[in-house]
Amino acid sequence: DIATMTPNAPEKLTIDLWDTAITFEKGHRIAVHVTS
């Protein structure tokens, strides 16, 4: 299954963050941070 990327070719990557249960409360913000 291991395969290197094709340079500069976009691919759809699915990242599983697992499960949780939480309430984002009124007045808060939901955020996503992306890095490497």
Full PDB file with SEQRES, HELIX, SHEET, SSBOND, CRYST1, ORIGX, SCALE, CONECT and MASTER records, all heavy atoms in Angstrom:
SEQRES   1 A   36  ASP ILE ALA THR MET THR PRO ASN ALA PRO GLU LYS LEU          
SEQRES   2 A   36  THR ILE ASP LEU TRP ASP THR ALA ILE THR PHE GLU LYS          
SEQRES   3 A   36  GLY HIS ARG ILE ALA VAL HIS VAL THR SER                      
CRYST1    1.000    1.000    1.000  90.00  90.00  90.00 P 1           1          
ORIGX1      1.000000  0.000000  0.000000        0.00000                         
ORIGX2      0.000000  1.000000  0.000000        0.00000                         
ORIGX3      0.000000  0.000000  1.000000        0.00000                         
SCALE1      1.000000  0.000000  0.000000        0.00000                         
SCALE2      0.000000  1.000000  0.000000        0.00000                         
SCALE3      0.000000  0.000000  1.000000        0.00000                         
ATOM      1  N   ASP A   1       0.806  -1.219   0.000  1.00  0.00           N  
ATOM      2  CA  ASP A   1       0.000   0.000   0.000  1.00  0.00           C  
ATOM      3  C   ASP A   1       0.840   1.271   0.000  1.00  0.00           C  
ATOM      4  O   ASP A   1       0.337   2.350  -0.337  1.00  0.00           O  
ATOM      5  CB  ASP A   1      -0.923   0.029   1.230  1.00  0.00           C  
ATOM      6  CG  ASP A   1      -1.913  -1.115   1.230  1.00  0.00           C  
ATOM      7  OD1 ASP A   1      -2.361  -1.512   0.139  1.00  0.00           O  
ATOM      8  OD2 ASP A   1      -2.234  -1.615   2.325  1.00  0.00           O  
ATOM      9  N   ILE A   2       2.097   1.176   0.406  1.00  0.00           N  
ATOM     10  CA  ILE A   2       2.934   2.360   0.539  1.00  0.00           C  
ATOM     11  C   ILE A   2       3.233   2.939  -0.840  1.00  0.00           C  
ATOM     12  O   ILE A   2       3.638   2.226  -1.762  1.00  0.00           O  
ATOM     13  CB  ILE A   2       4.242   2.018   1.277  1.00  0.00           C  
ATOM     14  CG1 ILE A   2       3.917   1.529   2.699  1.00  0.00           C  
ATOM     15  CG2 ILE A   2       5.172   3.219   1.329  1.00  0.00           C  
ATOM     16  CD1 ILE A   2       5.118   1.004   3.456  1.00  0.00           C  
ATOM     17  N   ALA A   3       3.003   4.236  -0.990  1.00  0.00           N  
ATOM     18  CA  ALA A   3       3.196   4.887  -2.295  1.00  0.00           C  
ATOM     19  C   ALA A   3       3.601   6.335  -2.079  1.00  0.00           C  
ATOM     20  O   ALA A   3       2.962   7.052  -1.307  1.00  0.00           O  
ATOM     21  CB  ALA A   3       1.918   4.827  -3.130  1.00  0.00           C  
ATOM     22  N   THR A   4       4.658   6.754  -2.755  1.00  0.00           N  
ATOM     23  CA  THR A   4       5.073   8.144  -2.660  1.00  0.00           C  
ATOM     24  C   THR A   4       4.103   9.025  -3.440  1.00  0.00           C  
ATOM     25  O   THR A   4       3.316   8.545  -4.265  1.00  0.00           O  
ATOM     26  CB  THR A   4       6.499   8.330  -3.211  1.00  0.00           C  
ATOM     27  OG1 THR A   4       6.554   7.843  -4.558  1.00  0.00           O  
ATOM     28  CG2 THR A   4       7.513   7.575  -2.356  1.00  0.00           C  
ATOM     29  N   MET A   5       4.165  10.307  -3.169  1.00  0.00           N  
ATOM     30  CA  MET A   5       3.299  11.261  -3.843  1.00  0.00           C  
ATOM     31  C   MET A   5       3.855  11.604  -5.233  1.00  0.00           C  
ATOM     32  O   MET A   5       5.064  11.534  -5.465  1.00  0.00           O  
ATOM     33  CB  MET A   5       3.196  12.546  -3.012  1.00  0.00           C  
ATOM     34  CG  MET A   5       2.553  12.368  -1.646  1.00  0.00           C  
ATOM     35  SD  MET A   5       0.763  12.197  -1.732  1.00  0.00           S  
ATOM     36  CE  MET A   5       0.286  13.934  -1.925  1.00  0.00           C  
ATOM     37  N   THR A   6       2.971  11.998  -6.112  1.00  0.00           N  
ATOM     38  CA  THR A   6       3.392  12.586  -7.379  1.00  0.00           C  
ATOM     39  C   THR A   6       3.605  14.078  -7.124  1.00  0.00           C  
ATOM     40  O   THR A   6       2.661  14.763  -6.703  1.00  0.00           O  
ATOM     41  CB  THR A   6       2.329  12.398  -8.466  1.00  0.00           C  
ATOM     42  OG1 THR A   6       2.098  11.005  -8.666  1.00  0.00           O  
ATOM     43  CG2 THR A   6       2.769  13.036  -9.768  1.00  0.00           C  
ATOM     44  N   PRO A   7       4.816  14.580  -7.317  1.00  0.00           N  
ATOM     45  CA  PRO A   7       5.085  15.972  -6.970  1.00  0.00           C  
ATOM     46  C   PRO A   7       4.090  16.950  -7.601  1.00  0.00           C  
ATOM     47  O   PRO A   7       3.789  16.877  -8.788  1.00  0.00           O  
ATOM     48  CB  PRO A   7       6.502  16.198  -7.505  1.00  0.00           C  
ATOM     49  CG  PRO A   7       7.133  14.836  -7.425  1.00  0.00           C  
ATOM     50  CD  PRO A   7       6.036  13.889  -7.784  1.00  0.00           C  
ATOM     51  N   ASN A   8       3.542  17.823  -6.719  1.00  0.00           N  
ATOM     52  CA  ASN A   8       2.633  18.915  -7.104  1.00  0.00           C  
ATOM     53  C   ASN A   8       1.305  18.449  -7.670  1.00  0.00           C  
ATOM     54  O   ASN A   8       0.572  19.252  -8.270  1.00  0.00           O  
ATOM     55  CB  ASN A   8       3.328  19.855  -8.098  1.00  0.00           C  
ATOM     56  CG  ASN A   8       4.571  20.485  -7.518  1.00  0.00           C  
ATOM     57  OD1 ASN A   8       4.555  20.985  -6.395  1.00  0.00           O  
ATOM     58  ND2 ASN A   8       5.677  20.452  -8.259  1.00  0.00           N  
ATOM     59  N   ALA A   9       0.960  17.175  -7.478  1.00  0.00           N  
ATOM     60  CA  ALA A   9      -0.336  16.664  -7.936  1.00  0.00           C  
ATOM     61  C   ALA A   9      -1.303  16.611  -6.751  1.00  0.00           C  
ATOM     62  O   ALA A   9      -1.068  15.865  -5.796  1.00  0.00           O  
ATOM     63  CB  ALA A   9      -0.182  15.275  -8.547  1.00  0.00           C  
ATOM     64  N   PRO A  10      -2.382  17.382  -6.760  1.00  0.00           N  
ATOM     65  CA  PRO A  10      -3.323  17.375  -5.641  1.00  0.00           C  
ATOM     66  C   PRO A  10      -3.995  16.021  -5.462  1.00  0.00           C  
ATOM     67  O   PRO A  10      -4.357  15.364  -6.434  1.00  0.00           O  
ATOM     68  CB  PRO A  10      -4.360  18.440  -6.034  1.00  0.00           C  
ATOM     69  CG  PRO A  10      -3.682  19.276  -7.073  1.00  0.00           C  
ATOM     70  CD  PRO A  10      -2.767  18.343  -7.802  1.00  0.00           C  
ATOM     71  N   GLU A  11      -4.119  15.623  -4.215  1.00  0.00           N  
ATOM     72  CA  GLU A  11      -4.848  14.403  -3.866  1.00  0.00           C  
ATOM     73  C   GLU A  11      -5.765  14.680  -2.681  1.00  0.00           C  
ATOM     74  O   GLU A  11      -5.473  15.533  -1.845  1.00  0.00           O  
ATOM     75  CB  GLU A  11      -3.882  13.263  -3.505  1.00  0.00           C  
ATOM     76  CG  GLU A  11      -3.079  12.716  -4.658  1.00  0.00           C  
ATOM     77  CD  GLU A  11      -2.406  11.403  -4.304  1.00  0.00           C  
ATOM     78  OE1 GLU A  11      -3.023  10.603  -3.545  1.00  0.00           O  
ATOM     79  OE2 GLU A  11      -1.275  11.168  -4.757  1.00  0.00           O  
ATOM     80  N   LYS A  12      -6.848  13.922  -2.610  1.00  0.00           N  
ATOM     81  CA  LYS A  12      -7.747  14.019  -1.472  1.00  0.00           C  
ATOM     82  C   LYS A  12      -7.229  13.109  -0.367  1.00  0.00           C  
ATOM     83  O   LYS A  12      -7.179  11.883  -0.525  1.00  0.00           O  
ATOM     84  CB  LYS A  12      -9.170  13.621  -1.878  1.00  0.00           C  
ATOM     85  CG  LYS A  12     -10.193  13.739  -0.766  1.00  0.00           C  
ATOM     86  CD  LYS A  12     -11.569  13.334  -1.280  1.00  0.00           C  
ATOM     87  CE  LYS A  12     -12.626  13.413  -0.195  1.00  0.00           C  
ATOM     88  NZ  LYS A  12     -13.958  12.999  -0.702  1.00  0.00           N  
ATOM     89  N   LEU A  13      -6.841  13.704   0.754  1.00  0.00           N  
ATOM     90  CA  LEU A  13      -6.296  12.970   1.884  1.00  0.00           C  
ATOM     91  C   LEU A  13      -7.296  13.026   3.033  1.00  0.00           C  
ATOM     92  O   LEU A  13      -7.708  14.116   3.449  1.00  0.00           O  
ATOM     93  CB  LEU A  13      -4.965  13.591   2.333  1.00  0.00           C  
ATOM     94  CG  LEU A  13      -3.902  13.788   1.246  1.00  0.00           C  
ATOM     95  CD1 LEU A  13      -2.733  14.574   1.786  1.00  0.00           C  
ATOM     96  CD2 LEU A  13      -3.447  12.445   0.690  1.00  0.00           C  
ATOM     97  N   THR A  14      -7.701  11.881   3.539  1.00  0.00           N  
ATOM     98  CA  THR A  14      -8.637  11.846   4.667  1.00  0.00           C  
ATOM     99  C   THR A  14      -7.864  11.595   5.952  1.00  0.00           C  
ATOM    100  O   THR A  14      -7.138  10.607   6.071  1.00  0.00           O  
ATOM    101  CB  THR A  14      -9.698  10.755   4.465  1.00  0.00           C  
ATOM    102  OG1 THR A  14     -10.464  11.060   3.280  1.00  0.00           O  
ATOM    103  CG2 THR A  14     -10.646  10.706   5.657  1.00  0.00           C  
ATOM    104  N   ILE A  15      -8.030  12.514   6.904  1.00  0.00           N  
ATOM    105  CA  ILE A  15      -7.336  12.432   8.192  1.00  0.00           C  
ATOM    106  C   ILE A  15      -8.367  12.145   9.265  1.00  0.00           C  
ATOM    107  O   ILE A  15      -9.279  12.942   9.508  1.00  0.00           O  
ATOM    108  CB  ILE A  15      -6.561  13.725   8.484  1.00  0.00           C  
ATOM    109  CG1 ILE A  15      -5.543  13.975   7.361  1.00  0.00           C  
ATOM    110  CG2 ILE A  15      -5.873  13.656   9.838  1.00  0.00           C  
ATOM    111  CD1 ILE A  15      -4.803  15.279   7.487  1.00  0.00           C  
ATOM    112  N   ASP A  16      -8.234  11.002   9.905  1.00  0.00           N  
ATOM    113  CA  ASP A  16      -9.162  10.555  10.941  1.00  0.00           C  
ATOM    114  C   ASP A  16      -8.731  11.151  12.278  1.00  0.00           C  
ATOM    115  O   ASP A  16      -7.653  10.861  12.786  1.00  0.00           O  
ATOM    116  CB  ASP A  16      -9.153   9.023  11.010  1.00  0.00           C  
ATOM    117  CG  ASP A  16     -10.148   8.468  12.007  1.00  0.00           C  
ATOM    118  OD1 ASP A  16     -10.892   9.265  12.634  1.00  0.00           O  
ATOM    119  OD2 ASP A  16     -10.184   7.237  12.191  1.00  0.00           O  
ATOM    120  N   LEU A  17      -9.604  11.985  12.855  1.00  0.00           N  
ATOM    121  CA  LEU A  17      -9.311  12.603  14.153  1.00  0.00           C  
ATOM    122  C   LEU A  17      -9.897  11.802  15.315  1.00  0.00           C  
ATOM    123  O   LEU A  17      -9.809  12.250  16.454  1.00  0.00           O  
ATOM    124  CB  LEU A  17      -9.853  14.042  14.177  1.00  0.00           C  
ATOM    125  CG  LEU A  17      -9.129  15.012  13.246  1.00  0.00           C  
ATOM    126  CD1 LEU A  17      -9.957  16.264  13.018  1.00  0.00           C  
ATOM    127  CD2 LEU A  17      -7.780  15.384  13.821  1.00  0.00           C  
ATOM    128  N   TRP A  18     -10.476  10.667  15.038  1.00  0.00           N  
ATOM    129  CA  TRP A  18     -11.115   9.801  16.024  1.00  0.00           C  
ATOM    130  C   TRP A  18     -12.406  10.439  16.538  1.00  0.00           C  
ATOM    131  O   TRP A  18     -12.991  11.286  15.904  1.00  0.00           O  
ATOM    132  CB  TRP A  18     -10.147   9.410  17.146  1.00  0.00           C  
ATOM    133  CG  TRP A  18      -9.018   8.540  16.680  1.00  0.00           C  
ATOM    134  CD1 TRP A  18      -8.572   8.408  15.382  1.00  0.00           C  
ATOM    135  CD2 TRP A  18      -8.183   7.690  17.463  1.00  0.00           C  
ATOM    136  NE1 TRP A  18      -7.521   7.531  15.322  1.00  0.00           N  
ATOM    137  CE2 TRP A  18      -7.258   7.077  16.584  1.00  0.00           C  
ATOM    138  CE3 TRP A  18      -8.115   7.387  18.819  1.00  0.00           C  
ATOM    139  CZ2 TRP A  18      -6.292   6.171  17.030  1.00  0.00           C  
ATOM    140  CZ3 TRP A  18      -7.155   6.493  19.271  1.00  0.00           C  
ATOM    141  CH2 TRP A  18      -6.262   5.895  18.385  1.00  0.00           C  
ATOM    142  N   ASP A  19     -12.868   9.972  17.700  1.00  0.00           N  
ATOM    143  CA  ASP A  19     -14.179  10.362  18.224  1.00  0.00           C  
ATOM    144  C   ASP A  19     -14.052  11.341  19.384  1.00  0.00           C  
ATOM    145  O   ASP A  19     -13.048  11.371  20.098  1.00  0.00           O  
ATOM    146  CB  ASP A  19     -14.932   9.130  18.730  1.00  0.00           C  
ATOM    147  CG  ASP A  19     -15.414   8.221  17.612  1.00  0.00           C  
ATOM    148  OD1 ASP A  19     -14.715   8.065  16.602  1.00  0.00           O  
ATOM    149  OD2 ASP A  19     -16.503   7.660  17.764  1.00  0.00           O  
ATOM    150  N   THR A  20     -15.130  12.096  19.575  1.00  0.00           N  
ATOM    151  CA  THR A  20     -15.228  12.941  20.761  1.00  0.00           C  
ATOM    152  C   THR A  20     -16.691  13.295  20.976  1.00  0.00           C  
ATOM    153  O   THR A  20     -17.544  13.021  20.131  1.00  0.00           O  
ATOM    154  CB  THR A  20     -14.387  14.226  20.619  1.00  0.00           C  
ATOM    155  OG1 THR A  20     -14.259  14.853  21.903  1.00  0.00           O  
ATOM    156  CG2 THR A  20     -15.019  15.212  19.652  1.00  0.00           C  
ATOM    157  N   ALA A  21     -16.968  13.914  22.120  1.00  0.00           N  
ATOM    158  CA  ALA A  21     -18.282  14.483  22.406  1.00  0.00           C  
ATOM    159  C   ALA A  21     -18.038  15.792  23.151  1.00  0.00           C  
ATOM    160  O   ALA A  21     -17.414  15.796  24.216  1.00  0.00           O  
ATOM    161  CB  ALA A  21     -19.139  13.529  23.248  1.00  0.00           C  
ATOM    162  N   ILE A  22     -18.484  16.889  22.564  1.00  0.00           N  
ATOM    163  CA  ILE A  22     -18.222  18.199  23.142  1.00  0.00           C  
ATOM    164  C   ILE A  22     -19.244  19.188  22.600  1.00  0.00           C  
ATOM    165  O   ILE A  22     -19.797  18.985  21.517  1.00  0.00           O  
ATOM    166  CB  ILE A  22     -16.785  18.679  22.804  1.00  0.00           C  
ATOM    167  CG1 ILE A  22     -16.420  19.949  23.587  1.00  0.00           C  
ATOM    168  CG2 ILE A  22     -16.618  18.892  21.308  1.00  0.00           C  
ATOM    169  CD1 ILE A  22     -14.966  20.374  23.406  1.00  0.00           C  
ATOM    170  N   THR A  23     -19.509  20.222  23.381  1.00  0.00           N  
ATOM    171  CA  THR A  23     -20.353  21.323  22.925  1.00  0.00           C  
ATOM    172  C   THR A  23     -19.493  22.560  22.730  1.00  0.00           C  
ATOM    173  O   THR A  23     -18.828  23.018  23.665  1.00  0.00           O  
ATOM    174  CB  THR A  23     -21.479  21.627  23.934  1.00  0.00           C  
ATOM    175  OG1 THR A  23     -22.326  20.483  24.056  1.00  0.00           O  
ATOM    176  CG2 THR A  23     -22.315  22.819  23.472  1.00  0.00           C  
ATOM    177  N   PHE A  24     -19.483  23.069  21.493  1.00  0.00           N  
ATOM    178  CA  PHE A  24     -18.871  24.369  21.225  1.00  0.00           C  
ATOM    179  C   PHE A  24     -19.919  25.413  21.606  1.00  0.00           C  
ATOM    180  O   PHE A  24     -20.958  25.516  20.955  1.00  0.00           O  
ATOM    181  CB  PHE A  24     -18.486  24.492  19.751  1.00  0.00           C  
ATOM    182  CG  PHE A  24     -17.418  23.519  19.319  1.00  0.00           C  
ATOM    183  CD1 PHE A  24     -17.761  22.306  18.740  1.00  0.00           C  
ATOM    184  CD2 PHE A  24     -16.071  23.811  19.500  1.00  0.00           C  
ATOM    185  CE1 PHE A  24     -16.777  21.415  18.334  1.00  0.00           C  
ATOM    186  CE2 PHE A  24     -15.085  22.915  19.102  1.00  0.00           C  
ATOM    187  CZ  PHE A  24     -15.433  21.715  18.529  1.00  0.00           C  
ATOM    188  N   GLU A  25     -19.645  26.158  22.633  1.00  0.00           N  
ATOM    189  CA  GLU A  25     -20.672  27.007  23.219  1.00  0.00           C  
ATOM    190  C   GLU A  25     -20.865  28.313  22.449  1.00  0.00           C  
ATOM    191  O   GLU A  25     -19.969  28.791  21.746  1.00  0.00           O  
ATOM    192  CB  GLU A  25     -20.316  27.320  24.674  1.00  0.00           C  
ATOM    193  CG  GLU A  25     -20.272  26.088  25.563  1.00  0.00           C  
ATOM    194  CD  GLU A  25     -19.916  26.416  27.000  1.00  0.00           C  
ATOM    195  OE1 GLU A  25     -19.613  27.593  27.288  1.00  0.00           O  
ATOM    196  OE2 GLU A  25     -19.945  25.494  27.830  1.00  0.00           O  
ATOM    197  N   LYS A  26     -22.055  28.849  22.601  1.00  0.00           N  
ATOM    198  CA  LYS A  26     -22.375  30.162  22.039  1.00  0.00           C  
ATOM    199  C   LYS A  26     -21.315  31.169  22.464  1.00  0.00           C  
ATOM    200  O   LYS A  26     -20.904  31.200  23.622  1.00  0.00           O  
ATOM    201  CB  LYS A  26     -23.759  30.595  22.515  1.00  0.00           C  
ATOM    202  CG  LYS A  26     -24.183  31.972  22.046  1.00  0.00           C  
ATOM    203  CD  LYS A  26     -25.545  32.335  22.607  1.00  0.00           C  
ATOM    204  CE  LYS A  26     -25.939  33.760  22.199  1.00  0.00           C  
ATOM    205  NZ  LYS A  26     -27.275  34.139  22.735  1.00  0.00           N  
ATOM    206  N   GLY A  27     -20.846  31.968  21.516  1.00  0.00           N  
ATOM    207  CA  GLY A  27     -19.803  32.937  21.818  1.00  0.00           C  
ATOM    208  C   GLY A  27     -18.401  32.436  21.529  1.00  0.00           C  
ATOM    209  O   GLY A  27     -17.458  33.222  21.500  1.00  0.00           O  
ATOM    210  N   HIS A  28     -18.249  31.114  21.322  1.00  0.00           N  
ATOM    211  CA  HIS A  28     -16.963  30.517  20.956  1.00  0.00           C  
ATOM    212  C   HIS A  28     -16.847  30.483  19.430  1.00  0.00           C  
ATOM    213  O   HIS A  28     -17.750  30.877  18.703  1.00  0.00           O  
ATOM    214  CB  HIS A  28     -16.844  29.102  21.518  1.00  0.00           C  
ATOM    215  CG  HIS A  28     -16.698  29.043  23.000  1.00  0.00           C  
ATOM    216  ND1 HIS A  28     -15.846  28.178  23.650  1.00  0.00           N  
ATOM    217  CD2 HIS A  28     -17.302  29.752  23.996  1.00  0.00           C  
ATOM    218  CE1 HIS A  28     -15.913  28.341  24.947  1.00  0.00           C  
ATOM    219  NE2 HIS A  28     -16.807  29.286  25.187  1.00  0.00           N  
ATOM    220  N   ARG A  29     -15.715  29.980  18.949  1.00  0.00           N  
ATOM    221  CA  ARG A  29     -15.504  29.732  17.535  1.00  0.00           C  
ATOM    222  C   ARG A  29     -14.995  28.294  17.374  1.00  0.00           C  
ATOM    223  O   ARG A  29     -14.276  27.789  18.235  1.00  0.00           O  
ATOM    224  CB  ARG A  29     -14.459  30.684  16.937  1.00  0.00           C  
ATOM    225  CG  ARG A  29     -14.820  32.159  16.956  1.00  0.00           C  
ATOM    226  CD  ARG A  29     -13.627  32.994  16.511  1.00  0.00           C  
ATOM    227  NE  ARG A  29     -13.861  34.421  16.657  1.00  0.00           N  
ATOM    228  CZ  ARG A  29     -14.218  35.234  15.656  1.00  0.00           C  
ATOM    229  NH1 ARG A  29     -14.355  34.735  14.434  1.00  0.00           N  
ATOM    230  NH2 ARG A  29     -14.417  36.523  15.860  1.00  0.00           N  
ATOM    231  N   ILE A  30     -15.356  27.649  16.272  1.00  0.00           N  
ATOM    232  CA  ILE A  30     -14.794  26.353  15.909  1.00  0.00           C  
ATOM    233  C   ILE A  30     -13.634  26.616  14.961  1.00  0.00           C  
ATOM    234  O   ILE A  30     -13.755  27.417  14.028  1.00  0.00           O  
ATOM    235  CB  ILE A  30     -15.837  25.456  15.229  1.00  0.00           C  
ATOM    236  CG1 ILE A  30     -17.055  25.250  16.150  1.00  0.00           C  
ATOM    237  CG2 ILE A  30     -15.230  24.106  14.853  1.00  0.00           C  
ATOM    238  CD1 ILE A  30     -18.222  24.558  15.463  1.00  0.00           C  
ATOM    239  N   ALA A  31     -12.505  25.962  15.209  1.00  0.00           N  
ATOM    240  CA  ALA A  31     -11.325  26.215  14.385  1.00  0.00           C  
ATOM    241  C   ALA A  31     -10.682  24.915  13.935  1.00  0.00           C  
ATOM    242  O   ALA A  31     -10.766  23.889  14.613  1.00  0.00           O  
ATOM    243  CB  ALA A  31     -10.303  27.067  15.143  1.00  0.00           C  
ATOM    244  N   VAL A  32     -10.021  24.992  12.789  1.00  0.00           N  
ATOM    245  CA  VAL A  32      -9.181  23.921  12.264  1.00  0.00           C  
ATOM    246  C   VAL A  32      -7.791  24.496  12.040  1.00  0.00           C  
ATOM    247  O   VAL A  32      -7.653  25.558  11.424  1.00  0.00           O  
ATOM    248  CB  VAL A  32      -9.730  23.360  10.940  1.00  0.00           C  
ATOM    249  CG1 VAL A  32      -8.739  22.392  10.309  1.00  0.00           C  
ATOM    250  CG2 VAL A  32     -11.061  22.667  11.150  1.00  0.00           C  
ATOM    251  N   HIS A  33      -6.778  23.829  12.574  1.00  0.00           N  
ATOM    252  CA  HIS A  33      -5.395  24.229  12.349  1.00  0.00           C  
ATOM    253  C   HIS A  33      -4.726  23.182  11.465  1.00  0.00           C  
ATOM    254  O   HIS A  33      -4.868  21.979  11.712  1.00  0.00           O  
ATOM    255  CB  HIS A  33      -4.634  24.345  13.676  1.00  0.00           C  
ATOM    256  CG  HIS A  33      -5.129  25.439  14.574  1.00  0.00           C  
ATOM    257  ND1 HIS A  33      -4.537  25.731  15.776  1.00  0.00           N  
ATOM    258  CD2 HIS A  33      -6.155  26.329  14.428  1.00  0.00           C  
ATOM    259  CE1 HIS A  33      -5.178  26.739  16.359  1.00  0.00           C  
ATOM    260  NE2 HIS A  33      -6.173  27.111  15.559  1.00  0.00           N  
ATOM    261  N   VAL A  34      -4.006  23.629  10.454  1.00  0.00           N  
ATOM    262  CA  VAL A  34      -3.330  22.727   9.517  1.00  0.00           C  
ATOM    263  C   VAL A  34      -1.849  23.083   9.453  1.00  0.00           C  
ATOM    264  O   VAL A  34      -1.499  24.253   9.281  1.00  0.00           O  
ATOM    265  CB  VAL A  34      -3.942  22.824   8.100  1.00  0.00           C  
ATOM    266  CG1 VAL A  34      -3.215  21.873   7.142  1.00  0.00           C  
ATOM    267  CG2 VAL A  34      -5.437  22.504   8.136  1.00  0.00           C  
ATOM    268  N   THR A  35      -0.999  22.078   9.587  1.00  0.00           N  
ATOM    269  CA  THR A  35       0.437  22.274   9.499  1.00  0.00           C  
ATOM    270  C   THR A  35       1.073  20.961   9.051  1.00  0.00           C  
ATOM    271  O   THR A  35       0.363  20.054   8.610  1.00  0.00           O  
ATOM    272  CB  THR A  35       1.001  22.784  10.839  1.00  0.00           C  
ATOM    273  OG1 THR A  35       2.376  23.121  10.692  1.00  0.00           O  
ATOM    274  CG2 THR A  35       0.821  21.761  11.947  1.00  0.00           C  
ATOM    275  N   SER A  36       2.405  20.851   9.179  1.00  0.00           N  
ATOM    276  CA  SER A  36       3.075  19.623   8.724  1.00  0.00           C  
ATOM    277  C   SER A  36       4.013  19.037   9.759  1.00  0.00           C  
ATOM    278  O   SER A  36       4.765  18.109   9.444  1.00  0.00           O  
ATOM    279  CB  SER A  36       3.844  19.890   7.419  1.00  0.00           C  
ATOM    280  OG  SER A  36       2.951  20.048   6.336  1.00  0.00           O  
TER     281      SER A  36                                                      
MASTER        0    0    0    0    0    0    0    6  280    1    0    3          
END                                                                             
